[in-house]
PDB file of N, CA and C in Angstrom:
ATOM      1  N   UNK A   1      36.481  17.785 145.568  1.00  0.00           N
ATOM      2  CA  UNK A   1      36.006  16.792 144.947  1.00  0.00           C
ATOM      3  C   UNK A   1      36.726  15.226 144.883  1.00  0.00           C
ATOM      4  N   UNK A   2      35.754  14.170 144.713  1.00  0.00           N
ATOM      5  CA  UNK A   2      36.818  12.861 144.645  1.00  0.00           C
ATOM      6  C   UNK A   2      36.313  12.253 143.284  1.00  0.00           C
ATOM      7  N   UNK A   3      37.473  11.638 142.476  1.00  0.00           N
ATOM      8  CA  UNK A   3      37.349  11.324 141.414  1.00  0.00           C
ATOM      9  C   UNK A   3      38.079   9.805 141.336  1.00  0.00           C
ATOM     10  N   UNK A   4      37.577   9.044 140.596  1.00  0.00           N
ATOM     11  CA  UNK A   4      38.177   7.436 140.397  1.00  0.00           C
ATOM     12  C   UNK A   4      38.499   7.609 139.099  1.00  0.00           C
ATOM     13  N   UNK A   5      39.558   6.602 139.163  1.00  0.00           N
ATOM     14  CA  UNK A   5      40.293   6.466 137.504  1.00  0.00           C
ATOM     15  C   UNK A   5      40.584   5.288 137.499  1.00  0.00           C
ATOM     16  N   UNK A   6      40.459   4.177 136.668  1.00  0.00           N
ATOM     17  CA  UNK A   6      41.034   3.010 136.512  1.00  0.00           C
ATOM     18  C   UNK A   6      42.383   2.530 136.222  1.00  0.00           C
ATOM     19  N   UNK A   7      42.633   1.698 137.273  1.00  0.00           N
ATOM     20  CA  UNK A   7      44.174   1.395 137.282  1.00  0.00           C
ATOM     21  C   UNK A   7      44.389   0.587 135.901  1.00  0.00           C
ATOM     22  N   UNK A   8      43.725   0.158 135.134  1.00  0.00           N
ATOM     23  CA  UNK A   8      43.562  -0.689 134.062  1.00  0.00           C
ATOM     24  C   UNK A   8      44.209   0.194 133.085  1.00  0.00           C
ATOM     25  N   UNK A   9      43.835   1.771 133.044  1.00  0.00           N
ATOM     26  CA  UNK A   9      44.216   2.371 131.735  1.00  0.00           C
ATOM     27  C   UNK A   9      45.304   3.174 131.904  1.00  0.00           C
ATOM     28  N   UNK A  10      45.346   3.826 133.217  1.00  0.00           N
ATOM     29  CA  UNK A  10      46.566   4.722 133.544  1.00  0.00           C
ATOM     30  C   UNK A  10      47.509   4.052 134.332  1.00  0.00           C
ATOM     31  N   UNK A  11      48.771   4.296 134.459  1.00  0.00           N
ATOM     32  CA  UNK A  11      50.005   4.165 135.215  1.00  0.00           C
ATOM     33  C   UNK A  11      49.961   4.950 136.768  1.00  0.00           C
ATOM     34  N   UNK A  12      50.623   4.371 137.337  1.00  0.00           N
ATOM     35  CA  UNK A  12      50.594   5.189 138.376  1.00  0.00           C
ATOM     36  C   UNK A  12      51.650   6.221 137.979  1.00  0.00           C
ATOM     37  N   UNK A  13      52.958   6.297 137.712  1.00  0.00           N
ATOM     38  CA  UNK A  13      53.164   7.257 137.358  1.00  0.00           C
ATOM     39  C   UNK A  13      52.931   8.366 136.363  1.00  0.00           C
ATOM     40  N   UNK A  14      51.553   8.233 135.585  1.00  0.00           N
ATOM     41  CA  UNK A  14      50.816   8.935 134.957  1.00  0.00           C
ATOM     42  C   UNK A  14      49.849   9.768 135.948  1.00  0.00           C
ATOM     43  N   UNK A  15      49.716   8.810 136.721  1.00  0.00           N
ATOM     44  CA  UNK A  15      48.718   9.538 137.837  1.00  0.00           C
ATOM     45  C   UNK A  15      49.788  10.372 138.727  1.00  0.00           C
ATOM     46  N   UNK A  16      50.959  10.435 139.338  1.00  0.00           N
ATOM     47  CA  UNK A  16      51.629  11.581 140.032  1.00  0.00           C
ATOM     48  C   UNK A  16      51.717  12.471 138.983  1.00  0.00           C
ATOM     49  N   UNK A  17      52.206  12.209 137.959  1.00  0.00           N
ATOM     50  CA  UNK A  17      52.469  13.734 137.323  1.00  0.00           C
ATOM     51  C   UNK A  17      51.446  14.287 137.179  1.00  0.00           C
ATOM     52  N   UNK A  18      50.389  13.615 136.709  1.00  0.00           N
ATOM     53  CA  UNK A  18      48.878  14.491 136.617  1.00  0.00           C
ATOM     54  C   UNK A  18      48.772  15.645 137.846  1.00  0.00           C
ATOM     55  N   UNK A  19      48.850  14.613 139.014  1.00  0.00           N
ATOM     56  CA  UNK A  19      48.478  15.144 140.353  1.00  0.00           C
ATOM     57  C   UNK A  19      49.190  16.248 140.557  1.00  0.00           C
ATOM     58  N   UNK A  20      50.814  15.922 140.286  1.00  0.00           N
ATOM     59  CA  UNK A  20      51.668  16.768 140.523  1.00  0.00           C
ATOM     60  C   UNK A  20      51.729  18.461 140.160  1.00  0.00           C
ATOM     61  N   UNK A  21      51.119  18.679 138.740  1.00  0.00           N
ATOM     62  CA  UNK A  21      50.726  19.647 137.803  1.00  0.00           C
ATOM     63  C   UNK A  21      49.922  20.674 138.741  1.00  0.00           C
ATOM     64  N   UNK A  22      48.991  19.981 139.939  1.00  0.00           N
ATOM     65  CA  UNK A  22      48.206  21.147 140.362  1.00  0.00           C
ATOM     66  C   UNK A  22      48.286  21.459 141.567  1.00  0.00           C
ATOM     67  N   UNK A  23      49.683  21.034 142.115  1.00  0.00           N
ATOM     68  CA  UNK A  23      49.758  21.076 143.947  1.00  0.00           C
ATOM     69  C   UNK A  23      49.673  22.571 143.766  1.00  0.00           C
ATOM     70  N   UNK A  24      50.226  23.609 142.714  1.00  0.00           N
ATOM     71  CA  UNK A  24      50.495  24.760 143.219  1.00  0.00           C
ATOM     72  C   UNK A  24      49.372  25.725 143.469  1.00  0.00           C
ATOM     73  N   UNK A  25      47.963  25.256 142.810  1.00  0.00           N
ATOM     74  CA  UNK A  25      46.737  25.836 143.371  1.00  0.00           C
ATOM     75  C   UNK A  25      45.723  24.750 143.964  1.00  0.00           C
ATOM     76  N   UNK A  26      46.219  23.561 144.264  1.00  0.00           N
ATOM     77  CA  UNK A  26      44.883  22.836 144.941  1.00  0.00           C
ATOM     78  C   UNK A  26      45.786  21.955 145.776  1.00  0.00           C
ATOM     79  N   UNK A  27      44.960  21.518 146.792  1.00  0.00           N
ATOM     80  CA  UNK A  27      45.578  20.018 147.658  1.00  0.00           C
ATOM     81  C   UNK A  27      45.355  18.667 147.033  1.00  0.00           C
ATOM     82  N   UNK A  28      46.017  17.854 146.859  1.00  0.00           N
ATOM     83  CA  UNK A  28      45.695  16.778 145.824  1.00  0.00           C
ATOM     84  C   UNK A  28      46.266  15.701 146.809  1.00  0.00           C
ATOM     85  N   UNK A  29      45.264  14.487 146.921  1.00  0.00           N
ATOM     86  CA  UNK A  29      45.430  13.317 148.010  1.00  0.00           C
ATOM     87  C   UNK A  29      45.160  11.749 147.095  1.00  0.00           C
ATOM     88  N   UNK A  30      46.271  11.266 146.824  1.00  0.00           N
ATOM     89  CA  UNK A  30      45.798  10.282 146.032  1.00  0.00           C
ATOM     90  C   UNK A  30      46.084   9.075 147.118  1.00  0.00           C
ATOM     91  N   UNK A  31      44.738   8.109 146.616  1.00  0.00           N
ATOM     92  CA  UNK A  31      44.941   6.833 147.352  1.00  0.00           C
ATOM     93  C   UNK A  31      44.355   5.501 146.387  1.00  0.00           C
ATOM     94  N   UNK A  32      44.252   4.635 146.559  1.00  0.00           N
ATOM     95  CA  UNK A  32      44.024   3.612 145.365  1.00  0.00           C
ATOM     96  C   UNK A  32      42.949   2.218 146.117  1.00  0.00           C
ATOM     97  N   UNK A  33      42.447   1.857 145.449  1.00  0.00           N
ATOM     98  CA  UNK A  33      41.668   0.517 145.849  1.00  0.00           C
ATOM     99  C   UNK A  33      41.950  -0.745 144.671  1.00  0.00           C
ATOM    100  N   UNK A  34      41.550  -1.962 144.981  1.00  0.00           N
ATOM    101  CA  UNK A  34      41.505  -2.908 144.097  1.00  0.00           C
ATOM    102  C   UNK A  34      41.507  -2.458 142.328  1.00  0.00           C
ATOM    103  N   UNK A  35      40.594  -1.443 142.171  1.00  0.00           N
ATOM    104  CA  UNK A  35      40.334  -1.070 140.547  1.00  0.00           C
ATOM    105  C   UNK A  35      40.605  -0.043 140.304  1.00  0.00           C
ATOM    106  N   UNK A  36      40.646   0.994 141.391  1.00  0.00           N
ATOM    107  CA  UNK A  36      40.760   2.241 140.703  1.00  0.00           C
ATOM    108  C   UNK A  36      42.000   3.187 141.949  1.00  0.00           C
ATOM    109  N   UNK A  37      42.278   4.202 140.939  1.00  0.00           N
ATOM    110  CA  UNK A  37      42.954   5.291 141.621  1.00  0.00           C
ATOM    111  C   UNK A  37      41.869   6.308 142.146  1.00  0.00           C
ATOM    112  N   UNK A  38      41.884   6.877 143.356  1.00  0.00           N
ATOM    113  CA  UNK A  38      41.351   7.508 144.075  1.00  0.00           C
ATOM    114  C   UNK A  38      41.977   8.974 144.107  1.00  0.00           C
ATOM    115  N   UNK A  39      41.675  10.258 143.649  1.00  0.00           N
ATOM    116  CA  UNK A  39      41.901  11.303 143.752  1.00  0.00           C
ATOM    117  C   UNK A  39      41.160  12.293 144.273  1.00  0.00           C
ATOM    118  N   UNK A  40      41.227  13.007 145.331  1.00  0.00           N
ATOM    119  CA  UNK A  40      40.579  13.778 146.104  1.00  0.00           C
ATOM    120  C   UNK A  40      41.606  15.428 145.738  1.00  0.00           C
ATOM    121  N   UNK A  41      40.851  16.325 145.352  1.00  0.00           N
ATOM    122  CA  UNK A  41      41.234  17.475 145.104  1.00  0.00           C
ATOM    123  C   UNK A  41      40.136  18.866 145.829  1.00  0.00           C
ATOM    124  N   UNK A  42      41.311  19.496 146.293  1.00  0.00           N
ATOM    125  CA  UNK A  42      40.602  20.676 146.811  1.00  0.00           C
ATOM    126  C   UNK A  42      41.601  21.620 146.410  1.00  0.00           C
ATOM    127  N   UNK A  43      40.402  22.876 146.239  1.00  0.00           N
ATOM    128  CA  UNK A  43      41.089  24.183 145.533  1.00  0.00           C
ATOM    129  C   UNK A  43      41.799  25.022 146.968  1.00  0.00           C
ATOM    130  N   UNK A  44      43.029  25.481 147.118  1.00  0.00           N
ATOM    131  CA  UNK A  44      43.265  26.248 148.053  1.00  0.00           C
ATOM    132  C   UNK A  44      42.792  27.680 147.922  1.00  0.00           C
ATOM    133  N   UNK A  45      42.654  28.315 148.818  1.00  0.00           N
ATOM    134  CA  UNK A  45      42.201  29.653 149.070  1.00  0.00           C
ATOM    135  C   UNK A  45      41.977  30.635 147.872  1.00  0.00           C
ATOM    136  N   UNK A  46      41.004  30.968 147.254  1.00  0.00           N
ATOM    137  CA  UNK A  46      40.941  31.983 146.295  1.00  0.00           C
ATOM    138  C   UNK A  46      41.186  31.386 144.803  1.00  0.00           C
ATOM    139  N   UNK A  47      40.866  29.927 144.887  1.00  0.00           N
ATOM    140  CA  UNK A  47      41.235  29.398 143.399  1.00  0.00           C
ATOM    141  C   UNK A  47      40.077  28.672 143.049  1.00  0.00           C
ATOM    142  N   UNK A  48      39.782  28.463 141.814  1.00  0.00           N
ATOM    143  CA  UNK A  48      38.831  27.599 141.165  1.00  0.00           C
ATOM    144  C   UNK A  48      39.251  26.265 141.081  1.00  0.00           C
ATOM    145  N   UNK A  49      38.453  25.379 141.723  1.00  0.00           N
ATOM    146  CA  UNK A  49      38.388  23.887 141.605  1.00  0.00           C
ATOM    147  C   UNK A  49      38.475  23.278 139.923  1.00  0.00           C
ATOM    148  N   UNK A  50      39.631  22.373 139.932  1.00  0.00           N
ATOM    149  CA  UNK A  50      39.633  21.761 138.631  1.00  0.00           C
ATOM    150  C   UNK A  50      38.423  20.783 138.984  1.00  0.00           C
ATOM    151  N   UNK A  51      37.923  20.299 137.044  1.00  0.00           N
ATOM    152  CA  UNK A  51      37.217  19.489 137.218  1.00  0.00           C
ATOM    153  C   UNK A  51      37.335  18.386 136.931  1.00  0.00           C
ATOM    154  N   UNK A  52      36.706  17.508 136.714  1.00  0.00           N
ATOM    155  CA  UNK A  52      37.201  15.781 136.517  1.00  0.00           C
ATOM    156  C   UNK A  52      37.764  15.620 134.839  1.00  0.00           C
ATOM    157  N   UNK A  53      37.027  16.635 134.181  1.00  0.00           N
ATOM    158  CA  UNK A  53      37.351  16.566 132.770  1.00  0.00           C
ATOM    159  C   UNK A  53      38.900  16.884 132.596  1.00  0.00           C
ATOM    160  N   UNK A  54      39.125  18.514 133.190  1.00  0.00           N
ATOM    161  CA  UNK A  54      40.392  19.073 133.486  1.00  0.00           C
ATOM    162  C   UNK A  54      41.744  17.849 133.617  1.00  0.00           C
ATOM    163  N   UNK A  55      41.029  17.375 134.521  1.00  0.00           N
ATOM    164  CA  UNK A  55      41.965  16.216 135.264  1.00  0.00           C
ATOM    165  C   UNK A  55      42.316  15.087 134.148  1.00  0.00           C
ATOM    166  N   UNK A  56      41.219  14.546 133.736  1.00  0.00           N
ATOM    167  CA  UNK A  56      41.226  13.366 132.617  1.00  0.00           C
ATOM    168  C   UNK A  56      42.150  13.898 131.549  1.00  0.00           C
ATOM    169  N   UNK A  57      42.029  15.023 131.176  1.00  0.00           N
ATOM    170  CA  UNK A  57      43.083  15.174 130.355  1.00  0.00           C
ATOM    171  C   UNK A  57      44.544  15.471 130.391  1.00  0.00           C
ATOM    172  N   UNK A  58      44.572  15.802 131.764  1.00  0.00           N
ATOM    173  CA  UNK A  58      46.236  15.917 132.171  1.00  0.00           C
ATOM    174  C   UNK A  58      46.446  14.193 132.290  1.00  0.00           C
ATOM    175  N   UNK A  59      45.806  13.687 132.751  1.00  0.00           N
ATOM    176  CA  UNK A  59      46.113  12.026 133.109  1.00  0.00           C
ATOM    177  C   UNK A  59      46.615  11.686 131.720  1.00  0.00           C
ATOM    178  N   UNK A  60      45.528  11.902 130.844  1.00  0.00           N
ATOM    179  CA  UNK A  60      45.765  11.198 129.396  1.00  0.00           C
ATOM    180  C   UNK A  60      47.281  11.874 128.326  1.00  0.00           C
ATOM    181  N   UNK A  61      47.444  13.178 129.075  1.00  0.00           N
ATOM    182  CA  UNK A  61      48.641  13.832 128.210  1.00  0.00           C
ATOM    183  C   UNK A  61      49.998  13.051 128.573  1.00  0.00           C
ATOM    184  N   UNK A  62      49.811  12.997 130.237  1.00  0.00           N
ATOM    185  CA  UNK A  62      51.073  12.087 130.769  1.00  0.00           C
ATOM    186  C   UNK A  62      50.820  10.642 130.299  1.00  0.00           C
ATOM    187  N   UNK A  63      50.217   9.946 130.090  1.00  0.00           N
ATOM    188  CA  UNK A  63      50.059   8.772 129.662  1.00  0.00           C
ATOM    189  C   UNK A  63      50.559   8.471 128.395  1.00  0.00           C
ATOM    190  N   UNK A  64      50.259   9.640 127.420  1.00  0.00           N
ATOM    191  CA  UNK A  64      51.082   9.595 126.118  1.00  0.00           C
ATOM    192  C   UNK A  64      52.602   9.723 126.356  1.00  0.00           C
ATOM    193  N   UNK A  65      52.653  10.793 127.287  1.00  0.00           N
ATOM    194  CA  UNK A  65      54.077  11.220 127.455  1.00  0.00           C
ATOM    195  C   UNK A  65      54.959   9.905 128.116  1.00  0.00           C
ATOM    196  N   UNK A  66      54.042   9.306 128.749  1.00  0.00           N
ATOM    197  CA  UNK A  66      55.008   8.025 129.185  1.00  0.00           C
ATOM    198  C   UNK A  66      55.463   7.062 127.998  1.00  0.00           C
ATOM    199  N   UNK A  67      54.095   6.839 127.365  1.00  0.00           N
ATOM    200  CA  UNK A  67      53.983   5.923 126.202  1.00  0.00           C
ATOM    201  C   UNK A  67      55.399   6.550 125.393  1.00  0.00           C
ATOM    202  N   UNK A  68      55.335   7.613 124.540  1.00  0.00           N
ATOM    203  CA  UNK A  68      56.367   8.363 123.727  1.00  0.00           C
ATOM    204  C   UNK A  68      57.577   7.952 124.343  1.00  0.00           C
ATOM    205  N   UNK A  69      57.890   7.980 125.647  1.00  0.00           N
ATOM    206  CA  UNK A  69      59.287   8.033 126.405  1.00  0.00           C
ATOM    207  C   UNK A  69      59.590   6.398 126.094  1.00  0.00           C
ATOM    208  N   UNK A  70      58.735   5.631 126.417  1.00  0.00           N
ATOM    209  CA  UNK A  70      59.229   4.378 126.330  1.00  0.00           C
ATOM    210  C   UNK A  70      59.312   3.445 125.409  1.00  0.00           C
ATOM    211  N   UNK A  71      58.597   4.352 123.997  1.00  0.00           N
ATOM    212  CA  UNK A  71      58.501   3.763 122.390  1.00  0.00           C
ATOM    213  C   UNK A  71      60.038   4.528 121.934  1.00  0.00           C
ATOM    214  N   UNK A  72      60.573   5.415 122.630  1.00  0.00           N
ATOM    215  CA  UNK A  72      61.512   6.128 121.784  1.00  0.00           C
ATOM    216  C   UNK A  72      62.803   5.849 122.702  1.00  0.00           C
ATOM    217  N   UNK A  73      62.335   5.463 123.527  1.00  0.00           N
ATOM    218  CA  UNK A  73      64.150   5.158 124.773  1.00  0.00           C
ATOM    219  C   UNK A  73      65.532   4.526 124.106  1.00  0.00           C
ATOM    220  N   UNK A  74      64.748   3.393 123.413  1.00  0.00           N
ATOM    221  CA  UNK A  74      65.909   2.790 122.409  1.00  0.00           C
ATOM    222  C   UNK A  74      66.989   3.790 121.659  1.00  0.00           C
ATOM    223  N   UNK A  75      65.961   4.553 120.906  1.00  0.00           N
ATOM    224  CA  UNK A  75      66.434   5.408 120.236  1.00  0.00           C
ATOM    225  C   UNK A  75      67.431   6.313 120.929  1.00  0.00           C
ATOM    226  N   UNK A  76      66.871   6.968 121.521  1.00  0.00           N
ATOM    227  CA  UNK A  76      67.823   8.062 122.713  1.00  0.00           C
ATOM    228  C   UNK A  76      68.790   7.563 123.025  1.00  0.00           C
ATOM    229  N   UNK A  77      68.967   6.351 123.415  1.00  0.00           N
ATOM    230  CA  UNK A  77      70.227   5.498 123.768  1.00  0.00           C
ATOM    231  C   UNK A  77      71.211   5.561 122.971  1.00  0.00           C
ATOM    232  N   UNK A  78      70.895   5.094 121.518  1.00  0.00           N
ATOM    233  CA  UNK A  78      71.520   5.088 120.490  1.00  0.00           C
ATOM    234  C   UNK A  78      71.693   6.385 119.783  1.00  0.00           C
ATOM    235  N   UNK A  79      71.147   7.515 120.244  1.00  0.00           N
ATOM    236  CA  UNK A  79      71.899   8.721 119.689  1.00  0.00           C
ATOM    237  C   UNK A  79      72.939   9.030 120.795  1.00  0.00           C
ATOM    238  N   UNK A  80      72.414   9.324 122.111  1.00  0.00           N
ATOM    239  CA  UNK A  80      73.374   9.501 122.900  1.00  0.00           C
ATOM    240  C   UNK A  80      74.872   8.495 122.960  1.00  0.00           C
ATOM    241  N   UNK A  81      74.728   7.684 122.412  1.00  0.00           N
ATOM    242  CA  UNK A  81      75.952   6.651 122.418  1.00  0.00           C
ATOM    243  C   UNK A  81      76.745   6.866 121.569  1.00  0.00           C
ATOM    244  N   UNK A  82      75.937   7.265 120.190  1.00  0.00           N
ATOM    245  CA  UNK A  82      76.713   8.051 119.139  1.00  0.00           C
ATOM    246  C   UNK A  82      77.313   9.492 119.553  1.00  0.00           C
ATOM    247  N   UNK A  83      76.630  10.336 119.807  1.00  0.00           N
ATOM    248  CA  UNK A  83      77.265  11.327 120.353  1.00  0.00           C
ATOM    249  C   UNK A  83      78.011  11.545 121.138  1.00  0.00           C
ATOM    250  N   UNK A  84      78.564  10.494 122.442  1.00  0.00           N
ATOM    251  CA  UNK A  84      79.544  10.633 123.380  1.00  0.00           C
ATOM    252  C   UNK A  84      80.727   9.935 122.571  1.00  0.00           C
ATOM    253  N   UNK A  85      80.627   8.802 121.403  1.00  0.00           N
ATOM    254  CA  UNK A  85      81.291   7.882 120.628  1.00  0.00           C
ATOM    255  C   UNK A  85      82.006   9.158 119.960  1.00  0.00           C
ATOM    256  N   UNK A  86      81.652   9.861 119.136  1.00  0.00           N
ATOM    257  CA  UNK A  86      82.432  10.861 118.357  1.00  0.00           C
ATOM    258  C   UNK A  86      83.000  12.004 118.710  1.00  0.00           C
ATOM    259  N   UNK A  87      82.597  11.651 120.288  1.00  0.00           N
ATOM    260  CA  UNK A  87      83.399  13.314 120.943  1.00  0.00           C
ATOM    261  C   UNK A  87      84.488  12.666 121.799  1.00  0.00           C
ATOM    262  N   UNK A  88      85.359  11.592 121.829  1.00  0.00           N
ATOM    263  CA  UNK A  88      86.442  10.943 122.113  1.00  0.00           C
ATOM    264  C   UNK A  88      87.655  11.485 121.473  1.00  0.00           C
ATOM    265  N   UNK A  89      88.193  11.780 122.602  1.00  0.00           N
ATOM    266  CA  UNK A  89      89.801  12.478 122.175  1.00  0.00           C
ATOM    267  C   UNK A  89      90.790  11.766 121.442  1.00  0.00           C
ATOM    268  N   UNK A  90      91.431  12.154 120.525  1.00  0.00           N
ATOM    269  CA  UNK A  90      91.955  11.026 119.671  1.00  0.00           C
ATOM    270  C   UNK A  90      93.443  11.623 120.168  1.00  0.00           C
ATOM    271  N   UNK A  91      94.051  10.657 121.134  1.00  0.00           N
ATOM    272  CA  UNK A  91      95.329  10.851 121.526  1.00  0.00           C
ATOM    273  C   UNK A  91      96.442   9.847 120.482  1.00  0.00           C
ATOM    274  N   UNK A  92      96.162  10.128 119.088  1.00  0.00           N
ATOM    275  CA  UNK A  92      97.150   9.122 117.953  1.00  0.00           C
ATOM    276  C   UNK A  92      98.117   9.936 117.807  1.00  0.00           C
ATOM    277  N   UNK A  93      98.306  11.611 118.106  1.00  0.00           N
ATOM    278  CA  UNK A  93      99.250  12.361 117.916  1.00  0.00           C
ATOM    279  C   UNK A  93      99.993  12.934 119.098  1.00  0.00           C
ATOM    280  N   UNK A  94     101.373  12.111 119.373  1.00  0.00           N
ATOM    281  CA  UNK A  94     101.932  12.357 120.546  1.00  0.00           C
ATOM    282  C   UNK A  94     103.046  13.224 120.639  1.00  0.00           C
ATOM    283  N   UNK A  95     103.248  13.767 119.295  1.00  0.00           N
ATOM    284  CA  UNK A  95     104.337  14.689 119.335  1.00  0.00           C
ATOM    285  C   UNK A  95     104.036  16.147 119.441  1.00  0.00           C
ATOM    286  N   UNK A  96     104.255  16.707 120.162  1.00  0.00           N
ATOM    287  CA  UNK A  96     103.741  17.886 120.917  1.00  0.00           C
ATOM    288  C   UNK A  96     103.989  19.146 120.050  1.00  0.00           C
ATOM    289  N   UNK A  97     105.347  19.133 119.579  1.00  0.00           N
ATOM    290  CA  UNK A  97     105.898  19.999 118.619  1.00  0.00           C
ATOM    291  C   UNK A  97     104.938  20.220 117.438  1.00  0.00           C
ATOM    292  N   UNK A  98     104.522  19.288 116.571  1.00  0.00           N
ATOM    293  CA  UNK A  98     103.370  19.005 115.569  1.00  0.00           C
ATOM    294  C   UNK A  98     102.060  19.359 116.305  1.00  0.00           C
ATOM    295  N   UNK A  99     101.434  19.060 117.510  1.00  0.00           N
ATOM    296  CA  UNK A  99     100.586  18.927 117.757  1.00  0.00           C
ATOM    297  C   UNK A  99      99.748  20.178 117.540  1.00  0.00           C
ATOM    298  N   UNK A 100     100.105  21.335 118.230  1.00  0.00           N
ATOM    299  CA  UNK A 100      99.752  22.686 117.913  1.00  0.00           C
ATOM    300  C   UNK A 100     100.041  23.772 116.628  1.00  0.00           C
ATOM    301  N   UNK A 101      99.056  24.269 116.084  1.00  0.00           N
ATOM    302  CA  UNK A 101      99.368  24.864 114.733  1.00  0.00           C
ATOM    303  C   UNK A 101      99.382  26.800 115.286  1.00  0.00           C
ATOM    304  N   UNK A 102      99.739  26.880 114.353  1.00  0.00           N
ATOM    305  CA  UNK A 102      99.408  28.424 114.573  1.00  0.00           C
ATOM    306  C   UNK A 102      98.445  29.300 114.970  1.00  0.00           C
ATOM    307  N   UNK A 103      97.164  28.408 114.426  1.00  0.00           N
ATOM    308  CA  UNK A 103      95.722  29.138 115.150  1.00  0.00           C
ATOM    309  C   UNK A 103      95.848  28.648 116.801  1.00  0.00           C
ATOM    310  N   UNK A 104      95.975  28.074 116.709  1.00  0.00           N
ATOM    311  CA  UNK A 104      96.033  27.370 117.982  1.00  0.00           C
ATOM    312  C   UNK A 104      96.472  28.448 119.589  1.00  0.00           C
ATOM    313  N   UNK A 105      97.394  29.286 119.103  1.00  0.00           N
ATOM    314  CA  UNK A 105      98.020  29.829 119.732  1.00  0.00           C
ATOM    315  C   UNK A 105      97.102  31.146 120.018  1.00  0.00           C
ATOM    316  N   UNK A 106      96.311  31.350 119.311  1.00  0.00           N
ATOM    317  CA  UNK A 106      95.016  32.602 119.753  1.00  0.00           C
ATOM    318  C   UNK A 106      94.256  32.114 120.263  1.00  0.00           C
ATOM    319  N   UNK A 107      94.068  30.455 120.136  1.00  0.00           N
ATOM    320  CA  UNK A 107      92.773  29.619 121.179  1.00  0.00           C
ATOM    321  C   UNK A 107      93.534  29.816 122.735  1.00  0.00           C
ATOM    322  N   UNK A 108      94.736  29.572 122.819  1.00  0.00           N
ATOM    323  CA  UNK A 108      95.358  29.488 123.889  1.00  0.00           C
ATOM    324  C   UNK A 108      95.472  30.584 124.977  1.00  0.00           C
ATOM    325  N   UNK A 109      95.320  31.893 124.229  1.00  0.00           N
ATOM    326  CA  UNK A 109      95.549  33.024 124.932  1.00  0.00           C
ATOM    327  C   UNK A 109      94.387  33.407 125.860  1.00  0.00           C
ATOM    328  N   UNK A 110      94.777  34.543 126.998  1.00  0.00           N
ATOM    329  CA  UNK A 110      93.810  35.070 127.889  1.00  0.00           C
ATOM    330  C   UNK A 110      92.789  35.667 127.267  1.00  0.00           C
ATOM    331  N   UNK A 111      91.433  35.500 127.315  1.00  0.00           N
ATOM    332  CA  UNK A 111      90.538  36.645 126.644  1.00  0.00           C
ATOM    333  C   UNK A 111      90.859  37.876 127.206  1.00  0.00           C
ATOM    334  N   UNK A 112      90.854  38.124 128.225  1.00  0.00           N
ATOM    335  CA  UNK A 112      91.270  39.541 128.902  1.00  0.00           C
ATOM    336  C   UNK A 112      92.517  40.126 128.756  1.00  0.00           C
ATOM    337  N   UNK A 113      93.408  39.476 128.423  1.00  0.00           N
ATOM    338  CA  UNK A 113      94.784  39.890 127.748  1.00  0.00           C
ATOM    339  C   UNK A 113      94.601  40.765 126.542  1.00  0.00           C
ATOM    340  N   UNK A 114      93.552  40.014 125.787  1.00  0.00           N
ATOM    341  CA  UNK A 114      93.653  40.202 123.930  1.00  0.00           C
ATOM    342  C   UNK A 114      92.643  41.414 124.141  1.00  0.00           C
ATOM    343  N   UNK A 115      91.633  41.584 124.784  1.00  0.00           N
ATOM    344  CA  UNK A 115      90.600  42.744 124.558  1.00  0.00           C
ATOM    345  C   UNK A 115      90.073  43.491 125.909  1.00  0.00           C
ATOM    346  N   UNK A 116      90.830  43.764 126.871  1.00  0.00           N
ATOM    347  CA  UNK A 116      91.181  44.809 127.689  1.00  0.00           C
ATOM    348  C   UNK A 116      91.841  46.060 127.594  1.00  0.00           C
TER     349      UNK A 116
END
């Protein structure tokens, strides 16, 4: 089956991701002309061919995922930066005698020594 999809509406990445979803059960070939992506889909043996509507739904889903990714990229970057900034080890205590507490001694013991 051969389908044509507008390059103005869908991105190349969304098209590739949608096509990849069906590669377990179908042979998918992608090509392009000036205004469209051309998708050829052939079902592998004993598999039911997918319809144009099913493929369109997957392209739409991938396009929305891509849009959400781009819209939230800066927020995710800030969240990751904040998470890494709060995990920095504090080296302000250089006095080793006061650095460990009594509870730390239990942490530093081998689990097998305590539980075998």
